[in-house]
C-alpha atoms as a PDB file:
ATOM      1  CA  MET A   1     102.198-113.118 142.434  1.00  0.00           C
ATOM      2  CA  THR A   2     102.758-115.498 139.671  1.00  0.00           C
ATOM      3  CA  LYS A   3     100.503-117.168 138.122  1.00  0.00           C
ATOM      4  CA  SER A   4     102.141-120.174 139.191  1.00  0.00           C
ATOM      5  CA  ALA A   5     101.928-118.926 142.710  1.00  0.00           C
ATOM      6  CA  SER A   6      98.396-117.660 142.235  1.00  0.00           C
ATOM      7  CA  LYS A   7      97.721-121.383 141.019  1.00  0.00           C
ATOM      8  CA  ARG A   8      99.655-123.330 144.050  1.00  0.00           C
ATOM      9  CA  LEU A   9      98.203-121.358 147.279  1.00  0.00           C
ATOM     10  CA  ARG A  10      94.980-121.856 146.555  1.00  0.00           C
ATOM     11  CA  PRO A  11      93.177-125.293 145.089  1.00  0.00           C
ATOM     12  CA  ALA A  12      92.759-127.017 141.946  1.00  0.00           C
ATOM     13  CA  ASN A  13      88.782-126.806 142.158  1.00  0.00           C
ATOM     14  CA  ALA A  14      88.536-122.867 143.710  1.00  0.00           C
ATOM     15  CA  ALA A  15      87.552-119.963 141.523  1.00  0.00           C
ATOM     16  CA  PRO A  16      90.192-117.177 141.320  1.00  0.00           C
ATOM     17  CA  PHE A  17      90.511-114.997 144.648  1.00  0.00           C
ATOM     18  CA  TRP A  18      89.011-111.883 142.843  1.00  0.00           C
ATOM     19  CA  THR A  19      85.565-113.764 141.844  1.00  0.00           C
ATOM     20  CA  GLN A  20      85.139-114.579 145.324  1.00  0.00           C
ATOM     21  CA  SER A  21      83.256-113.063 148.435  1.00  0.00           C
ATOM     22  CA  ARG A  22      85.265-111.227 151.029  1.00  0.00           C
ATOM     23  CA  ALA A  23      85.645-114.781 153.241  1.00  0.00           C
ATOM     24  CA  ALA A  24      86.276-117.286 150.888  1.00  0.00           C
ATOM     25  CA  ALA A  25      88.973-115.029 149.198  1.00  0.00           C
ATOM     26  CA  LEU A  26      90.413-114.945 152.852  1.00  0.00           C
ATOM     27  CA  GLN A  27      90.011-118.256 153.665  1.00  0.00           C
ATOM     28  CA  SER A  28      91.344-119.407 150.075  1.00  0.00           C
ATOM     29  CA  LEU A  29      94.195-117.533 150.071  1.00  0.00           C
ATOM     30  CA  LYS A  30      95.285-119.119 153.737  1.00  0.00           C
ATOM     31  CA  SER A  31      94.351-115.677 155.620  1.00  0.00           C
ATOM     32  CA  ARG A  32      92.180-113.372 157.668  1.00  0.00           C
ATOM     33  CA  ALA A  33      91.438-109.709 157.784  1.00  0.00           C
ATOM     34  CA  THR A  34      93.912-108.984 161.095  1.00  0.00           C
ATOM     35  CA  GLY A  35      96.817-110.489 158.604  1.00  0.00           C
ATOM     36  CA  LEU A  36      99.141-113.004 158.465  1.00  0.00           C
ATOM     37  CA  SER A  37     102.042-113.117 161.266  1.00  0.00           C
ATOM     38  CA  SER A  38     105.319-112.453 160.605  1.00  0.00           C
ATOM     39  CA  GLU A  39     105.563-116.254 160.655  1.00  0.00           C
ATOM     40  CA  GLU A  40     103.169-117.495 157.738  1.00  0.00           C
ATOM     41  CA  ALA A  41     104.776-113.644 155.976  1.00  0.00           C
ATOM     42  CA  ARG A  42     108.386-114.882 156.186  1.00  0.00           C
ATOM     43  CA  GLN A  43     107.492-118.431 154.884  1.00  0.00           C
ATOM     44  CA  ARG A  44     105.619-117.134 151.869  1.00  0.00           C
ATOM     45  CA  LEU A  45     108.245-114.801 151.206  1.00  0.00           C
ATOM     46  CA  SER A  46     110.513-117.871 150.499  1.00  0.00           C
ATOM     47  CA  GLU A  47     107.985-119.926 148.959  1.00  0.00           C
ATOM     48  CA  TYR A  48     106.633-117.146 146.655  1.00  0.00           C
ATOM     49  CA  GLY A  49     109.638-115.345 146.458  1.00  0.00           C
ATOM     50  CA  PRO A  50     109.867-111.406 146.526  1.00  0.00           C
ATOM     51  CA  ASN A  51     106.988-108.867 145.179  1.00  0.00           C
ATOM     52  CA  ALA A  52     109.305-106.950 142.529  1.00  0.00           C
ATOM     53  CA  ILE A  53     110.119-108.029 139.192  1.00  0.00           C
ATOM     54  CA  ALA A  54     113.764-109.322 138.279  1.00  0.00           C
ATOM     55  CA  ALA A  55     116.736-107.338 138.239  1.00  0.00           C
ATOM     56  CA  GLN A  56     118.032-107.275 134.715  1.00  0.00           C
ATOM     57  CA  LYS A  57     122.139-107.838 135.061  1.00  0.00           C
ATOM     58  CA  SER A  58     123.898-105.397 133.896  1.00  0.00           C
ATOM     59  CA  LEU A  59     127.053-105.954 131.751  1.00  0.00           C
ATOM     60  CA  SER A  60     130.491-105.021 133.232  1.00  0.00           C
ATOM     61  CA  LEU A  61     132.822-102.322 132.106  1.00  0.00           C
ATOM     62  CA  LEU A  62     134.791-105.656 130.339  1.00  0.00           C
ATOM     63  CA  GLY A  63     131.519-106.542 128.823  1.00  0.00           C
ATOM     64  CA  LEU A  64     130.470-102.552 128.155  1.00  0.00           C
ATOM     65  CA  ILE A  65     133.671-101.813 126.067  1.00  0.00           C
ATOM     66  CA  LEU A  66     132.888-105.116 123.898  1.00  0.00           C
ATOM     67  CA  THR A  67     129.496-104.157 123.178  1.00  0.00           C
ATOM     68  CA  ARG A  68     131.123-100.472 121.795  1.00  0.00           C
ATOM     69  CA  LEU A  69     133.664-102.161 120.450  1.00  0.00           C
ATOM     70  CA  ARG A  70     130.755-104.121 118.134  1.00  0.00           C
ATOM     71  CA  GLU A  71     128.913-100.486 117.157  1.00  0.00           C
ATOM     72  CA  PRO A  72     128.803 -99.960 113.090  1.00  0.00           C
ATOM     73  CA  LEU A  73     130.804 -97.468 113.836  1.00  0.00           C
ATOM     74  CA  ALA A  74     133.872 -98.093 115.771  1.00  0.00           C
ATOM     75  CA  LEU A  75     133.831-101.648 113.024  1.00  0.00           C
ATOM     76  CA  LEU A  76     133.894 -98.924 110.440  1.00  0.00           C
ATOM     77  CA  LEU A  77     136.488 -96.700 112.137  1.00  0.00           C
ATOM     78  CA  ILE A  78     138.629 -99.531 112.813  1.00  0.00           C
ATOM     79  CA  GLY A  79     138.696-101.414 109.493  1.00  0.00           C
ATOM     80  CA  ALA A  80     139.348 -97.601 108.174  1.00  0.00           C
ATOM     81  CA  GLY A  81     142.347 -97.882 109.637  1.00  0.00           C
ATOM     82  CA  LEU A  82     143.173-101.244 108.597  1.00  0.00           C
ATOM     83  CA  LEU A  83     142.905 -99.776 105.138  1.00  0.00           C
ATOM     84  CA  SER A  84     145.354 -96.510 106.473  1.00  0.00           C
ATOM     85  CA  ALA A  85     147.409 -99.282 107.818  1.00  0.00           C
ATOM     86  CA  LEU A  86     147.868-101.499 104.064  1.00  0.00           C
ATOM     87  CA  ALA A  87     148.304 -98.058 102.437  1.00  0.00           C
ATOM     88  CA  GLY A  88     151.388 -97.640 104.488  1.00  0.00           C
ATOM     89  CA  ASP A  89     149.870 -94.992 106.594  1.00  0.00           C
ATOM     90  CA  HIS A  90     150.931 -95.587 110.735  1.00  0.00           C
ATOM     91  CA  VAL A  91     150.448 -92.484 111.782  1.00  0.00           C
ATOM     92  CA  SER A  92     146.753 -92.650 110.484  1.00  0.00           C
ATOM     93  CA  LEU A  93     146.026 -96.001 112.176  1.00  0.00           C
ATOM     94  CA  ILE A  94     147.573 -95.068 115.063  1.00  0.00           C
ATOM     95  CA  ILE A  95     145.818 -91.865 115.462  1.00  0.00           C
ATOM     96  CA  ILE A  96     142.346 -93.665 114.261  1.00  0.00           C
ATOM     97  CA  LEU A  97     143.102 -96.588 117.050  1.00  0.00           C
ATOM     98  CA  VAL A  98     143.815 -93.930 119.704  1.00  0.00           C
ATOM     99  CA  MET A  99     140.389 -92.176 118.894  1.00  0.00           C
ATOM    100  CA  VAL A 100     138.417 -94.978 119.100  1.00  0.00           C
ATOM    101  CA  VAL A 101     140.322 -96.821 122.102  1.00  0.00           C
ATOM    102  CA  LEU A 102     139.614 -93.751 124.085  1.00  0.00           C
ATOM    103  CA  GLY A 103     136.106 -92.798 122.267  1.00  0.00           C
ATOM    104  CA  VAL A 104     135.230 -96.660 123.609  1.00  0.00           C
ATOM    105  CA  ALA A 105     136.120 -96.573 126.708  1.00  0.00           C
ATOM    106  CA  LEU A 106     134.710 -92.762 127.480  1.00  0.00           C
ATOM    107  CA  ASP A 107     131.754 -94.306 126.711  1.00  0.00           C
ATOM    108  CA  ALA A 108     131.412 -97.569 128.514  1.00  0.00           C
ATOM    109  CA  ILE A 109     132.865 -96.372 131.924  1.00  0.00           C
ATOM    110  CA  GLN A 110     130.364 -93.464 131.393  1.00  0.00           C
ATOM    111  CA  GLU A 111     127.759 -95.971 130.912  1.00  0.00           C
ATOM    112  CA  HIS A 112     128.778 -98.151 133.931  1.00  0.00           C
ATOM    113  CA  ARG A 113     128.512 -95.337 136.638  1.00  0.00           C
ATOM    114  CA  ALA A 114     125.116 -93.789 135.274  1.00  0.00           C
ATOM    115  CA  ASP A 115     124.475 -97.479 135.583  1.00  0.00           C
ATOM    116  CA  HIS A 116     125.129 -98.089 139.232  1.00  0.00           C
ATOM    117  CA  ALA A 117     123.172 -94.759 140.350  1.00  0.00           C
ATOM    118  CA  ALA A 118     120.807 -95.633 139.281  1.00  0.00           C
ATOM    119  CA  GLN A 119     120.913 -99.203 140.991  1.00  0.00           C
ATOM    120  CA  LEU A 120     121.459 -96.811 144.001  1.00  0.00           C
ATOM    121  CA  LEU A 121     118.216 -94.031 143.259  1.00  0.00           C
ATOM    122  CA  LYS A 122     115.969 -96.881 143.220  1.00  0.00           C
ATOM    123  CA  ALA A 123     117.092 -98.867 146.447  1.00  0.00           C
ATOM    124  CA  GLU A 124     117.057 -95.535 148.572  1.00  0.00           C
ATOM    125  CA  ALA A 125     113.693 -95.207 146.759  1.00  0.00           C
ATOM    126  CA  ALA A 126     112.325 -98.844 147.891  1.00  0.00           C
ATOM    127  CA  LEU A 127     108.655 -98.517 148.246  1.00  0.00           C
ATOM    128  CA  LYS A 128     106.838 -99.261 151.597  1.00  0.00           C
ATOM    129  CA  GLU A 129     103.546-100.240 152.273  1.00  0.00           C
ATOM    130  CA  GLN A 130     101.130-100.325 155.138  1.00  0.00           C
ATOM    131  CA  ALA A 131     100.079-103.833 155.695  1.00  0.00           C
ATOM    132  CA  LEU A 132      98.879-105.813 159.009  1.00  0.00           C
ATOM    133  CA  ARG A 133     100.843-107.911 160.221  1.00  0.00           C
ATOM    134  CA  ASP A 134     100.799-110.227 163.347  1.00  0.00           C
ATOM    135  CA  GLY A 135      97.206-107.947 164.047  1.00  0.00           C
ATOM    136  CA  GLN A 136      99.270-104.635 163.924  1.00  0.00           C
ATOM    137  CA  GLU A 137      99.690-102.304 160.981  1.00  0.00           C
ATOM    138  CA  LYS A 138     103.217-102.184 160.056  1.00  0.00           C
ATOM    139  CA  THR A 139     105.148-100.611 156.828  1.00  0.00           C
ATOM    140  CA  ILE A 140     107.099-102.872 155.055  1.00  0.00           C
ATOM    141  CA  LEU A 141     108.783-102.365 151.843  1.00  0.00           C
ATOM    142  CA  SER A 142     106.700-103.382 148.845  1.00  0.00           C
ATOM    143  CA  ALA A 143     108.900-106.162 147.965  1.00  0.00           C
ATOM    144  CA  ASP A 144     108.206-108.439 150.996  1.00  0.00           C
ATOM    145  CA  ILE A 145     104.407-108.520 150.060  1.00  0.00           C
ATOM    146  CA  VAL A 146     102.849-111.957 150.094  1.00  0.00           C
ATOM    147  CA  PRO A 147     100.320-113.635 149.027  1.00  0.00           C
ATOM    148  CA  GLY A 148      97.378-113.258 151.929  1.00  0.00           C
ATOM    149  CA  ASP A 149      98.698-109.536 153.063  1.00  0.00           C
ATOM    150  CA  VAL A 150      96.125-107.401 153.794  1.00  0.00           C
ATOM    151  CA  VAL A 151      97.449-103.855 152.543  1.00  0.00           C
ATOM    152  CA  PHE A 152      96.446-100.080 153.419  1.00  0.00           C
ATOM    153  CA  LEU A 153      96.036 -97.967 150.498  1.00  0.00           C
ATOM    154  CA  SER A 154      94.905 -94.195 150.679  1.00  0.00           C
ATOM    155  CA  ALA A 155      94.858 -91.368 148.048  1.00  0.00           C
ATOM    156  CA  GLY A 156      98.214 -91.491 145.662  1.00  0.00           C
ATOM    157  CA  ASP A 157      99.279 -94.789 146.397  1.00  0.00           C
ATOM    158  CA  VAL A 158     100.565 -97.397 144.445  1.00  0.00           C
ATOM    159  CA  ALA A 159      99.267-100.827 144.543  1.00  0.00           C
ATOM    160  CA  PRO A 160     102.171-102.851 145.673  1.00  0.00           C
ATOM    161  CA  ALA A 161     100.473-106.497 143.959  1.00  0.00           C
ATOM    162  CA  ASP A 162      97.362-108.111 142.587  1.00  0.00           C
ATOM    163  CA  GLY A 163      94.770-107.922 145.072  1.00  0.00           C
ATOM    164  CA  LEU A 164      91.280-108.247 146.281  1.00  0.00           C
ATOM    165  CA  ILE A 165      90.000-104.663 147.252  1.00  0.00           C
ATOM    166  CA  LEU A 166      88.548-105.606 151.179  1.00  0.00           C
ATOM    167  CA  ASP A 167      86.748-102.008 152.332  1.00  0.00           C
ATOM    168  CA  ALA A 168      86.827 -98.783 150.377  1.00  0.00           C
ATOM    169  CA  ASP A 169      85.431 -95.863 150.598  1.00  0.00           C
ATOM    170  CA  SER A 170      85.215 -92.774 147.851  1.00  0.00           C
ATOM    171  CA  PHE A 171      87.925 -95.043 146.139  1.00  0.00           C
ATOM    172  CA  THR A 172      88.949 -94.859 142.049  1.00  0.00           C
ATOM    173  CA  LEU A 173      90.817 -95.265 140.045  1.00  0.00           C
ATOM    174  CA  ASN A 174      93.655 -94.458 137.519  1.00  0.00           C
ATOM    175  CA  GLU A 175      93.858 -97.159 134.630  1.00  0.00           C
ATOM    176  CA  ALA A 176      95.939 -95.521 132.432  1.00  0.00           C
ATOM    177  CA  SER A 177      99.117 -97.236 133.093  1.00  0.00           C
ATOM    178  CA  LEU A 178      96.683-100.509 132.706  1.00  0.00           C
ATOM    179  CA  THR A 179      96.755 -99.585 129.155  1.00  0.00           C
END
């Protein structure tokens, strides 16, 4: 949940949910120990957006090619080709330009394919969480976790969002990712 979402959810005079008692936190988040209803979760998802970091726009194939042409080595080779042309060596100009075009095109195509494959893997490996919806434990995507959801965590799970621990048994935390 973003800071602005946290501020919109709780009244201006209320303390942050993580400093409140269990009952007060659930009340300030407009939630209950039995979780949210599917309709409440749908409304909050449309209001606050998905629980995910905004994806970076990937460059188009043409954008990748133009980026590669601005690299120092490509510019140096193009300059060497132009100097060869000014010196009257047109064969060297053609050879250099063909090598630059082939190198840039192959590099851009390879990066475009790798980016596409990474996006497919990311979509396939989407994190899922156990949360209470409609009073029942359900498996939902981490991106669909909203403020007020009651989420179950077990050993090895990644916490899907900021949250308040309502109940814990033998709780440990690896803080390495927080530093």
